[in-house]
């Protein structure tokens, strides 16, 4: 995957100074904020993000193949993992999340009917719930479909 010029510009502005670059006047800035505070330079972080973007298409293809070839397993795995993540994010903060089952109950309703008497109390919990609300209904709708058989060309 190649970044668009707009995406590249956004990354450049996000990470600010990258060693070896100048600020337009021919003079390099004095410090790299990320290196100073977090121990990783803007250039290193940018390189790692680019590597992740390069792997995105292959990962997405494998994920969609899993969903297409075994939708029930994909839905159960997704709900189990999302429930665990939600449990970790909420367990000591949200009084309604006392057990993993409380978390599973909330996440499963996010993926289907959208009703629960439990609500996310943390930003992380809200982000997880929002992701489940986006992806979950599509997985739930396909979960009882028969798995698609592999084509001969896909096996080879």
Protein backbone atom coordinates (compact mmCIF):
# COMPACT_ATOMS: atom_id res chain seq x y z
CA UNK A 1 0.00 0.00 0.00
CA UNK A 2 1.35 3.39 -0.94
CA UNK A 3 0.39 6.46 1.01
CA UNK A 4 -1.30 9.31 -0.79
CA UNK A 5 0.51 12.66 -0.74
CA UNK A 6 -2.04 13.90 1.82
CA UNK A 7 -1.42 10.91 4.09
CA UNK A 8 2.35 11.34 3.77
CA UNK A 9 2.05 15.05 4.62
CA UNK A 10 -0.10 14.20 7.66
CA UNK A 11 2.51 11.70 8.89
CA UNK A 12 5.28 14.23 8.34
CA UNK A 13 3.46 16.92 10.30
CA UNK A 14 2.51 14.47 13.06
CA UNK A 15 6.08 13.34 13.65
CA UNK A 16 7.63 16.77 13.09
CA UNK A 17 11.37 16.74 12.93
CA UNK A 18 13.04 13.71 11.39
CA UNK A 19 16.85 13.67 11.65
CA UNK A 20 18.48 14.64 8.39
CA UNK A 21 15.63 16.93 7.31
CA UNK A 22 15.76 20.70 7.27
CA UNK A 23 13.00 23.11 8.20
CA UNK A 24 12.96 24.85 4.79
CA UNK A 25 15.67 27.35 5.64
CA UNK A 26 18.50 24.85 5.29
CA UNK A 27 18.89 24.58 9.07
CA UNK A 28 17.97 21.38 10.88
CA UNK A 29 15.78 21.74 13.99
CA UNK A 30 17.56 21.22 17.30
CA UNK A 31 15.71 18.18 18.70
CA UNK A 32 13.31 15.37 17.96
CA UNK A 33 10.44 15.61 20.48
CA UNK A 34 9.56 11.91 20.19
CA UNK A 35 13.19 10.86 20.72
CA UNK A 36 13.56 13.18 23.70
CA UNK A 37 10.40 12.12 25.52
CA UNK A 38 9.69 8.58 24.34
CA UNK A 39 13.06 7.21 23.24
CA UNK A 40 11.95 6.56 19.67
CA UNK A 41 12.71 8.95 16.86
CA UNK A 42 10.14 10.26 14.44
CA UNK A 43 12.00 8.51 11.61
CA UNK A 44 11.88 5.12 13.44
CA UNK A 45 8.19 5.47 14.22
CA UNK A 46 7.43 6.56 10.68
CA UNK A 47 9.33 3.54 9.30
CA UNK A 48 7.45 1.16 11.61
CA UNK A 49 4.07 2.66 10.68
CA UNK A 50 4.91 2.37 6.98
CA UNK A 51 5.81 -1.31 7.52
CA UNK A 52 2.40 -1.86 9.17
CA UNK A 53 0.62 -0.09 6.31
CA UNK A 54 2.52 -2.31 3.84
CA UNK A 55 1.22 -5.46 5.61
CA UNK A 56 -2.37 -4.19 5.88
CA UNK A 57 -3.60 -5.58 2.54
CA UNK A 58 -2.28 -9.10 3.22
CA UNK A 59 -3.73 -9.10 6.76
CA UNK A 60 -7.08 -7.81 5.51
CA UNK A 61 -7.21 -10.49 2.81
CA UNK A 62 -6.47 -13.27 5.32
CA UNK A 63 -9.08 -11.92 7.72
CA UNK A 64 -11.77 -11.74 5.04
CA UNK A 65 -10.91 -15.29 3.91
CA UNK A 66 -11.42 -16.51 7.49
CA UNK A 67 -14.79 -14.78 7.72
CA UNK A 68 -15.87 -16.09 4.32
CA UNK A 69 -14.74 -19.68 4.87
CA UNK A 70 -15.89 -20.05 8.48
CA UNK A 71 -18.24 -17.25 9.53
CA UNK A 72 -19.36 -18.79 12.84
CA UNK A 73 -15.78 -19.29 14.07
CA UNK A 74 -14.92 -15.75 13.00
CA UNK A 75 -17.89 -14.29 14.90
CA UNK A 76 -17.21 -16.30 18.07
CA UNK A 77 -13.49 -15.47 17.99
CA UNK A 78 -14.20 -11.78 17.45
CA UNK A 79 -16.77 -11.59 20.27
CA UNK A 80 -14.54 -13.55 22.65
CA UNK A 81 -11.53 -11.31 21.99
CA UNK A 82 -13.55 -8.08 22.13
CA UNK A 83 -15.19 -9.20 25.38
CA UNK A 84 -11.82 -9.92 26.94
CA UNK A 85 -10.44 -6.54 25.85
CA UNK A 86 -13.54 -4.80 27.19
CA UNK A 87 -13.27 -6.72 30.48
CA UNK A 88 -9.63 -5.67 30.92
CA UNK A 89 -10.50 -2.03 30.15
CA UNK A 90 -13.52 -1.83 32.45
CA UNK A 91 -13.13 -4.36 35.30
CA UNK A 92 -11.78 -2.10 38.03
CA UNK A 93 -13.62 1.05 36.95
CA UNK A 94 -17.09 0.03 35.83
CA UNK A 95 -19.26 -1.25 38.71
CA UNK A 96 -21.39 -3.29 36.29
CA UNK A 97 -18.41 -5.29 34.98
CA UNK A 98 -17.60 -7.80 37.69
CA UNK A 99 -16.94 -10.89 35.56
CA UNK A 100 -15.94 -11.80 32.03
CA UNK A 101 -19.55 -12.89 31.43
CA UNK A 102 -20.75 -9.34 32.22
CA UNK A 103 -18.36 -8.12 29.54
CA UNK A 104 -19.43 -10.81 27.06
CA UNK A 105 -23.08 -9.91 27.65
CA UNK A 106 -22.44 -6.24 26.86
CA UNK A 107 -20.25 -6.91 23.80
CA UNK A 108 -22.67 -9.46 22.34
CA UNK A 109 -25.49 -6.94 22.56
CA UNK A 110 -23.26 -4.36 20.83
CA UNK A 111 -22.87 -6.83 17.96
CA UNK A 112 -26.57 -7.57 17.63
CA UNK A 113 -29.57 -5.72 19.06
CA UNK A 114 -27.70 -2.88 20.74
CA UNK A 115 -29.48 -3.09 24.08
CA UNK A 116 -27.83 -3.60 27.44
CA UNK A 117 -28.07 -2.26 30.95
CA UNK A 118 -24.28 -1.93 30.95
CA UNK A 119 -22.44 1.04 29.45
CA UNK A 120 -18.75 1.65 28.84
CA UNK A 121 -17.14 3.85 31.48
CA UNK A 122 -13.64 4.26 30.01
CA UNK A 123 -12.41 5.72 26.74
CA UNK A 124 -10.83 2.37 25.87
CA UNK A 125 -14.09 0.57 26.62
CA UNK A 126 -15.98 3.03 24.41
CA UNK A 127 -13.52 2.52 21.57
CA UNK A 128 -13.84 -1.27 21.82
CA UNK A 129 -17.64 -1.02 21.94
CA UNK A 130 -17.69 1.32 18.93
CA UNK A 131 -15.53 -1.09 16.93
CA UNK A 132 -17.84 -3.97 17.86
CA UNK A 133 -20.86 -1.88 16.85
CA UNK A 134 -19.28 -1.33 13.42
CA UNK A 135 -18.03 -4.86 12.70
CA UNK A 136 -20.25 -7.01 14.93
CA UNK A 137 -23.57 -6.77 13.10
CA UNK A 138 -21.97 -7.86 9.82
CA UNK A 139 -20.35 -10.86 11.53
CA UNK A 140 -23.56 -11.70 13.39
CA UNK A 141 -25.55 -11.56 10.15
CA UNK A 142 -23.19 -14.03 8.46
CA UNK A 143 -22.49 -16.28 11.44
CA UNK A 144 -25.13 -18.88 10.52
CA UNK A 145 -24.28 -18.94 6.80
CA UNK A 146 -22.74 -22.12 5.54
CA UNK A 147 -18.99 -21.88 5.15
CA UNK A 148 -17.94 -21.31 1.54
CA UNK A 149 -16.05 -24.23 0.04
CA UNK A 150 -12.52 -23.61 -1.16
CA UNK A 151 -12.03 -23.38 -4.91
CA UNK A 152 -9.37 -25.58 -6.48
CA UNK A 153 -7.46 -22.45 -7.51
CA UNK A 154 -7.37 -21.22 -3.89
CA UNK A 155 -5.84 -24.48 -2.66
CA UNK A 156 -3.06 -24.43 -5.24
